[in-house]
C-alpha cells in the first residue's frame, strides 16, 4: 500500500531528526514549560535525562517505521 510507504518513511525521518536534535529539543521543551508554568514547575517536570528519553523514542520510531516499510515491500 502506498500509505504504508508514506507513514513508514515519515516515522523513520522523524525518528532520525529526534535523535539528531535531541539536546536542542529538550531545551526547547524546558523553555516552553518555564514560560507557561514558571521555573519551579519546569525543573520538576523535566527531572532525569530528557535527551536520553528523546533518543529512545526516536530509535523506537525508526524501528516501527522500518518494520512498516519492510512489510509494505514484502506485502
PDB file of N, CA and C in Angstrom:
ATOM      1  N   UNK A   1       0.833  -1.175   0.000  1.00  0.00           N
ATOM      2  CA  UNK A   1       0.000   0.000   0.000  1.00  0.00           C
ATOM      3  C   UNK A   1       0.882   1.245   0.000  1.00  0.00           C
ATOM      4  N   UNK A   2       0.433   2.246  -0.697  1.00  0.00           N
ATOM      5  CA  UNK A   2       1.187   3.494  -0.764  1.00  0.00           C
ATOM      6  C   UNK A   2       1.180   4.222   0.576  1.00  0.00           C
ATOM      7  N   UNK A   3       0.108   4.090   1.339  1.00  0.00           N
ATOM      8  CA  UNK A   3       0.051   4.767   2.643  1.00  0.00           C
ATOM      9  C   UNK A   3       1.073   4.181   3.614  1.00  0.00           C
ATOM     10  N   UNK A   4       1.347   2.874   3.520  1.00  0.00           N
ATOM     11  CA  UNK A   4       2.362   2.266   4.385  1.00  0.00           C
ATOM     12  C   UNK A   4       3.743   2.843   4.097  1.00  0.00           C
ATOM     13  N   UNK A   5       4.056   3.064   2.832  1.00  0.00           N
ATOM     14  CA  UNK A   5       5.339   3.658   2.473  1.00  0.00           C
ATOM     15  C   UNK A   5       5.452   5.079   3.034  1.00  0.00           C
ATOM     16  N   UNK A   6       4.390   5.833   2.919  1.00  0.00           N
ATOM     17  CA  UNK A   6       4.417   7.220   3.384  1.00  0.00           C
ATOM     18  C   UNK A   6       4.546   7.276   4.903  1.00  0.00           C
ATOM     19  N   UNK A   7       3.733   6.518   5.609  1.00  0.00           N
ATOM     20  CA  UNK A   7       3.769   6.531   7.072  1.00  0.00           C
ATOM     21  C   UNK A   7       5.103   5.990   7.582  1.00  0.00           C
ATOM     22  N   UNK A   8       5.582   4.908   6.993  1.00  0.00           N
ATOM     23  CA  UNK A   8       6.873   4.350   7.398  1.00  0.00           C
ATOM     24  C   UNK A   8       8.014   5.321   7.152  1.00  0.00           C
ATOM     25  N   UNK A   9       8.006   5.978   6.003  1.00  0.00           N
ATOM     26  CA  UNK A   9       9.047   6.961   5.711  1.00  0.00           C
ATOM     27  C   UNK A   9       9.017   8.145   6.657  1.00  0.00           C
ATOM     28  N   UNK A  10       7.819   8.609   6.977  1.00  0.00           N
ATOM     29  CA  UNK A  10       7.687   9.733   7.907  1.00  0.00           C
ATOM     30  C   UNK A  10       8.169   9.330   9.298  1.00  0.00           C
ATOM     31  N   UNK A  11       7.827   8.135   9.748  1.00  0.00           N
ATOM     32  CA  UNK A  11       8.286   7.672  11.061  1.00  0.00           C
ATOM     33  C   UNK A  11       9.800   7.589  11.129  1.00  0.00           C
ATOM     34  N   UNK A  12      10.413   7.046  10.080  1.00  0.00           N
ATOM     35  CA  UNK A  12      11.867   6.943  10.060  1.00  0.00           C
ATOM     36  C   UNK A  12      12.503   8.333  10.047  1.00  0.00           C
ATOM     37  N   UNK A  13      11.970   9.238   9.229  1.00  0.00           N
ATOM     38  CA  UNK A  13      12.530  10.592   9.144  1.00  0.00           C
ATOM     39  C   UNK A  13      12.396  11.337  10.466  1.00  0.00           C
ATOM     40  N   UNK A  14      11.244  11.259  11.097  1.00  0.00           N
ATOM     41  CA  UNK A  14      11.043  11.951  12.377  1.00  0.00           C
ATOM     42  C   UNK A  14      11.918  11.332  13.464  1.00  0.00           C
ATOM     43  N   UNK A  15      12.083  10.022  13.441  1.00  0.00           N
ATOM     44  CA  UNK A  15      12.966   9.363  14.410  1.00  0.00           C
ATOM     45  C   UNK A  15      14.407   9.798  14.258  1.00  0.00           C
ATOM     46  N   UNK A  16      14.885   9.908  13.029  1.00  0.00           N
ATOM     47  CA  UNK A  16      16.262  10.366  12.794  1.00  0.00           C
ATOM     48  C   UNK A  16      16.424  11.813  13.242  1.00  0.00           C
ATOM     49  N   UNK A  17      15.457  12.650  12.933  1.00  0.00           N
ATOM     50  CA  UNK A  17      15.520  14.054  13.358  1.00  0.00           C
ATOM     51  C   UNK A  17      15.509  14.149  14.884  1.00  0.00           C
ATOM     52  N   UNK A  18      14.687  13.346  15.543  1.00  0.00           N
ATOM     53  CA  UNK A  18      14.625  13.377  17.010  1.00  0.00           C
ATOM     54  C   UNK A  18      15.962  12.975  17.629  1.00  0.00           C
ATOM     55  N   UNK A  19      16.633  11.997  17.032  1.00  0.00           N
ATOM     56  CA  UNK A  19      17.929  11.585  17.567  1.00  0.00           C
ATOM     57  C   UNK A  19      18.989  12.654  17.322  1.00  0.00           C
ATOM     58  N   UNK A  20      18.958  13.284  16.160  1.00  0.00           N
ATOM     59  CA  UNK A  20      19.982  14.274  15.826  1.00  0.00           C
ATOM     60  C   UNK A  20      19.854  15.562  16.631  1.00  0.00           C
ATOM     61  N   UNK A  21      18.655  15.990  16.936  1.00  0.00           N
ATOM     62  CA  UNK A  21      18.465  17.278  17.622  1.00  0.00           C
ATOM     63  C   UNK A  21      17.872  17.105  19.018  1.00  0.00           C
ATOM     64  N   UNK A  22      18.187  16.020  19.687  1.00  0.00           N
ATOM     65  CA  UNK A  22      17.559  15.724  20.982  1.00  0.00           C
ATOM     66  C   UNK A  22      17.911  16.738  22.055  1.00  0.00           C
ATOM     67  N   UNK A  23      19.127  17.250  22.084  1.00  0.00           N
ATOM     68  CA  UNK A  23      19.501  18.207  23.136  1.00  0.00           C
ATOM     69  C   UNK A  23      18.796  19.550  22.944  1.00  0.00           C
ATOM     70  N   UNK A  24      18.763  20.041  21.727  1.00  0.00           N
ATOM     71  CA  UNK A  24      18.082  21.314  21.492  1.00  0.00           C
ATOM     72  C   UNK A  24      16.573  21.166  21.670  1.00  0.00           C
ATOM     73  N   UNK A  25      16.020  20.000  21.342  1.00  0.00           N
ATOM     74  CA  UNK A  25      14.599  19.754  21.546  1.00  0.00           C
ATOM     75  C   UNK A  25      14.266  19.731  23.035  1.00  0.00           C
ATOM     76  N   UNK A  26      15.141  19.130  23.843  1.00  0.00           N
ATOM     77  CA  UNK A  26      14.916  19.110  25.294  1.00  0.00           C
ATOM     78  C   UNK A  26      14.982  20.528  25.861  1.00  0.00           C
ATOM     79  N   UNK A  27      15.910  21.341  25.357  1.00  0.00           N
ATOM     80  CA  UNK A  27      15.991  22.731  25.798  1.00  0.00           C
ATOM     81  C   UNK A  27      14.740  23.507  25.412  1.00  0.00           C
ATOM     82  N   UNK A  28      14.226  23.245  24.212  1.00  0.00           N
ATOM     83  CA  UNK A  28      13.015  23.920  23.747  1.00  0.00           C
ATOM     84  C   UNK A  28      11.815  23.554  24.618  1.00  0.00           C
ATOM     85  N   UNK A  29      11.692  22.294  24.977  1.00  0.00           N
ATOM     86  CA  UNK A  29      10.608  21.856  25.861  1.00  0.00           C
ATOM     87  C   UNK A  29      10.741  22.537  27.224  1.00  0.00           C
ATOM     88  N   UNK A  30      11.963  22.580  27.753  1.00  0.00           N
ATOM     89  CA  UNK A  30      12.183  23.216  29.058  1.00  0.00           C
ATOM     90  C   UNK A  30      11.798  24.689  29.020  1.00  0.00           C
ATOM     91  N   UNK A  31      12.213  25.397  27.976  1.00  0.00           N
ATOM     92  CA  UNK A  31      11.895  26.823  27.875  1.00  0.00           C
ATOM     93  C   UNK A  31      10.391  27.056  27.749  1.00  0.00           C
ATOM     94  N   UNK A  32       9.713  26.203  27.001  1.00  0.00           N
ATOM     95  CA  UNK A  32       8.265  26.347  26.866  1.00  0.00           C
ATOM     96  C   UNK A  32       7.541  26.118  28.178  1.00  0.00           C
ATOM     97  N   UNK A  33       7.943  25.092  28.907  1.00  0.00           N
ATOM     98  CA  UNK A  33       7.319  24.821  30.200  1.00  0.00           C
ATOM     99  C   UNK A  33       7.626  25.948  31.180  1.00  0.00           C
ATOM    100  N   UNK A  34       8.864  26.437  31.138  1.00  0.00           N
ATOM    101  CA  UNK A  34       9.240  27.536  32.033  1.00  0.00           C
ATOM    102  C   UNK A  34       8.451  28.805  31.709  1.00  0.00           C
ATOM    103  N   UNK A  35       8.207  29.040  30.420  1.00  0.00           N
ATOM    104  CA  UNK A  35       7.468  30.227  30.012  1.00  0.00           C
ATOM    105  C   UNK A  35       6.017  30.178  30.500  1.00  0.00           C
ATOM    106  N   UNK A  36       5.378  29.022  30.359  1.00  0.00           N
ATOM    107  CA  UNK A  36       3.963  28.918  30.702  1.00  0.00           C
ATOM    108  C   UNK A  36       3.697  28.635  32.177  1.00  0.00           C
ATOM    109  N   UNK A  37       4.571  27.858  32.832  1.00  0.00           N
ATOM    110  CA  UNK A  37       4.283  27.425  34.199  1.00  0.00           C
ATOM    111  C   UNK A  37       5.251  27.958  35.242  1.00  0.00           C
ATOM    112  N   UNK A  38       6.384  28.502  34.839  1.00  0.00           N
ATOM    113  CA  UNK A  38       7.368  29.008  35.790  1.00  0.00           C
ATOM    114  C   UNK A  38       8.511  28.035  35.986  1.00  0.00           C
ATOM    115  N   UNK A  39       9.584  28.547  36.547  1.00  0.00           N
ATOM    116  CA  UNK A  39      10.799  27.745  36.664  1.00  0.00           C
ATOM    117  C   UNK A  39      10.691  26.568  37.625  1.00  0.00           C
ATOM    118  N   UNK A  40      10.033  26.691  38.780  1.00  0.00           N
ATOM    119  CA  UNK A  40       9.942  25.511  39.654  1.00  0.00           C
ATOM    120  C   UNK A  40       9.204  24.336  38.991  1.00  0.00           C
ATOM    121  N   UNK A  41       8.156  24.628  38.255  1.00  0.00           N
ATOM    122  CA  UNK A  41       7.422  23.554  37.566  1.00  0.00           C
ATOM    123  C   UNK A  41       8.284  22.923  36.488  1.00  0.00           C
ATOM    124  N   UNK A  42       8.999  23.752  35.759  1.00  0.00           N
ATOM    125  CA  UNK A  42       9.840  23.232  34.675  1.00  0.00           C
ATOM    126  C   UNK A  42      10.930  22.321  35.230  1.00  0.00           C
ATOM    127  N   UNK A  43      11.519  22.716  36.342  1.00  0.00           N
ATOM    128  CA  UNK A  43      12.557  21.878  36.948  1.00  0.00           C
ATOM    129  C   UNK A  43      11.981  20.554  37.443  1.00  0.00           C
ATOM    130  N   UNK A  44      10.768  20.587  37.988  1.00  0.00           N
ATOM    131  CA  UNK A  44      10.152  19.358  38.481  1.00  0.00           C
ATOM    132  C   UNK A  44       9.673  18.453  37.351  1.00  0.00           C
ATOM    133  N   UNK A  45       9.184  19.043  36.264  1.00  0.00           N
ATOM    134  CA  UNK A  45       8.622  18.234  35.174  1.00  0.00           C
ATOM    135  C   UNK A  45       9.697  17.552  34.338  1.00  0.00           C
ATOM    136  N   UNK A  46      10.874  18.133  34.270  1.00  0.00           N
ATOM    137  CA  UNK A  46      11.926  17.573  33.421  1.00  0.00           C
ATOM    138  C   UNK A  46      13.056  16.987  34.253  1.00  0.00           C
ATOM    139  N   UNK A  47      12.707  16.290  35.284  1.00  0.00           N
ATOM    140  CA  UNK A  47      13.700  15.624  36.104  1.00  0.00           C
ATOM    141  C   UNK A  47      14.271  14.429  35.341  1.00  0.00           C
ATOM    142  N   UNK A  48      15.488  14.091  35.598  1.00  0.00           N
ATOM    143  CA  UNK A  48      16.084  12.934  34.943  1.00  0.00           C
ATOM    144  C   UNK A  48      16.889  13.345  33.727  1.00  0.00           C
ATOM    145  N   UNK A  49      16.803  12.536  32.667  1.00  0.00           N
ATOM    146  CA  UNK A  49      17.617  12.758  31.484  1.00  0.00           C
ATOM    147  C   UNK A  49      16.741  12.817  30.237  1.00  0.00           C
ATOM    148  N   UNK A  50      16.136  13.961  29.958  1.00  0.00           N
ATOM    149  CA  UNK A  50      15.244  14.076  28.803  1.00  0.00           C
ATOM    150  C   UNK A  50      15.912  13.788  27.452  1.00  0.00           C
ATOM    151  N   UNK A  51      17.182  14.193  27.202  1.00  0.00           N
ATOM    152  CA  UNK A  51      17.770  13.870  25.898  1.00  0.00           C
ATOM    153  C   UNK A  51      17.863  12.368  25.634  1.00  0.00           C
ATOM    154  N   UNK A  52      18.111  11.602  26.692  1.00  0.00           N
ATOM    155  CA  UNK A  52      18.180  10.148  26.515  1.00  0.00           C
ATOM    156  C   UNK A  52      16.796   9.591  26.198  1.00  0.00           C
ATOM    157  N   UNK A  53      15.783  10.121  26.858  1.00  0.00           N
ATOM    158  CA  UNK A  53      14.410   9.664  26.581  1.00  0.00           C
ATOM    159  C   UNK A  53      14.000   9.999  25.152  1.00  0.00           C
ATOM    160  N   UNK A  54      14.383  11.176  24.676  1.00  0.00           N
ATOM    161  CA  UNK A  54      14.056  11.572  23.311  1.00  0.00           C
ATOM    162  C   UNK A  54      14.767  10.660  22.324  1.00  0.00           C
ATOM    163  N   UNK A  55      16.023  10.288  22.619  1.00  0.00           N
ATOM    164  CA  UNK A  55      16.763   9.380  21.742  1.00  0.00           C
ATOM    165  C   UNK A  55      16.117   7.994  21.705  1.00  0.00           C
ATOM    166  N   UNK A  56      15.640   7.525  22.835  1.00  0.00           N
ATOM    167  CA  UNK A  56      14.981   6.215  22.891  1.00  0.00           C
ATOM    168  C   UNK A  56      13.688   6.237  22.077  1.00  0.00           C
ATOM    169  N   UNK A  57      12.914   7.306  22.217  1.00  0.00           N
ATOM    170  CA  UNK A  57      11.680   7.417  21.432  1.00  0.00           C
ATOM    171  C   UNK A  57      12.003   7.515  19.945  1.00  0.00           C
ATOM    172  N   UNK A  58      13.061   8.247  19.585  1.00  0.00           N
ATOM    173  CA  UNK A  58      13.474   8.334  18.185  1.00  0.00           C
ATOM    174  C   UNK A  58      13.877   6.981  17.628  1.00  0.00           C
ATOM    175  N   UNK A  59      14.623   6.207  18.410  1.00  0.00           N
ATOM    176  CA  UNK A  59      15.014   4.866  17.966  1.00  0.00           C
ATOM    177  C   UNK A  59      13.790   3.968  17.807  1.00  0.00           C
ATOM    178  N   UNK A  60      12.846   4.083  18.720  1.00  0.00           N
ATOM    179  CA  UNK A  60      11.618   3.292  18.618  1.00  0.00           C
ATOM    180  C   UNK A  60      10.837   3.664  17.353  1.00  0.00           C
ATOM    181  N   UNK A  61      10.804   4.953  17.036  1.00  0.00           N
ATOM    182  CA  UNK A  61      10.103   5.386  15.828  1.00  0.00           C
ATOM    183  C   UNK A  61      10.799   4.857  14.572  1.00  0.00           C
ATOM    184  N   UNK A  62      12.132   4.832  14.578  1.00  0.00           N
ATOM    185  CA  UNK A  62      12.868   4.298  13.435  1.00  0.00           C
ATOM    186  C   UNK A  62      12.579   2.814  13.258  1.00  0.00           C
ATOM    187  N   UNK A  63      12.552   2.077  14.353  1.00  0.00           N
ATOM    188  CA  UNK A  63      12.271   0.639  14.267  1.00  0.00           C
ATOM    189  C   UNK A  63      10.852   0.397  13.755  1.00  0.00           C
ATOM    190  N   UNK A  64       9.881   1.115  14.292  1.00  0.00           N
ATOM    191  CA  UNK A  64       8.495   0.940  13.846  1.00  0.00           C
ATOM    192  C   UNK A  64       8.340   1.323  12.373  1.00  0.00           C
ATOM    193  N   UNK A  65       8.959   2.422  11.976  1.00  0.00           N
ATOM    194  CA  UNK A  65       8.889   2.832  10.577  1.00  0.00           C
ATOM    195  C   UNK A  65       9.577   1.838   9.662  1.00  0.00           C
ATOM    196  N   UNK A  66      10.710   1.292  10.117  1.00  0.00           N
ATOM    197  CA  UNK A  66      11.404   0.278   9.320  1.00  0.00           C
ATOM    198  C   UNK A  66      10.586  -0.986   9.153  1.00  0.00           C
ATOM    199  N   UNK A  67       9.945  -1.419  10.227  1.00  0.00           N
ATOM    200  CA  UNK A  67       9.078  -2.606  10.136  1.00  0.00           C
ATOM    201  C   UNK A  67       7.921  -2.336   9.182  1.00  0.00           C
ATOM    202  N   UNK A  68       7.348  -1.153   9.251  1.00  0.00           N
ATOM    203  CA  UNK A  68       6.248  -0.809   8.359  1.00  0.00           C
ATOM    204  C   UNK A  68       6.699  -0.785   6.910  1.00  0.00           C
ATOM    205  N   UNK A  69       7.894  -0.243   6.648  1.00  0.00           N
ATOM    206  CA  UNK A  69       8.420  -0.221   5.281  1.00  0.00           C
ATOM    207  C   UNK A  69       8.708  -1.627   4.768  1.00  0.00           C
ATOM    208  N   UNK A  70       9.276  -2.472   5.608  1.00  0.00           N
ATOM    209  CA  UNK A  70       9.581  -3.850   5.188  1.00  0.00           C
ATOM    210  C   UNK A  70       8.298  -4.609   4.890  1.00  0.00           C
ATOM    211  N   UNK A  71       7.297  -4.477   5.739  1.00  0.00           N
ATOM    212  CA  UNK A  71       6.046  -5.192   5.474  1.00  0.00           C
ATOM    213  C   UNK A  71       5.357  -4.645   4.224  1.00  0.00           C
ATOM    214  N   UNK A  72       5.540  -3.347   3.930  1.00  0.00           N
ATOM    215  CA  UNK A  72       4.961  -2.788   2.709  1.00  0.00           C
ATOM    216  C   UNK A  72       5.670  -3.332   1.475  1.00  0.00           C
ATOM    217  N   UNK A  73       7.003  -3.487   1.573  1.00  0.00           N
ATOM    218  CA  UNK A  73       7.747  -4.042   0.436  1.00  0.00           C
ATOM    219  C   UNK A  73       7.417  -5.510   0.212  1.00  0.00           C
ATOM    220  N   UNK A  74       7.317  -6.267   1.300  1.00  0.00           N
ATOM    221  CA  UNK A  74       7.059  -7.706   1.180  1.00  0.00           C
ATOM    222  C   UNK A  74       5.629  -7.980   0.743  1.00  0.00           C
ATOM    223  N   UNK A  75       4.696  -7.215   1.301  1.00  0.00           N
ATOM    224  CA  UNK A  75       3.281  -7.465   1.021  1.00  0.00           C
ATOM    225  C   UNK A  75       2.908  -6.803  -0.229  1.00  0.00           C
TER     226      UNK A  75
END
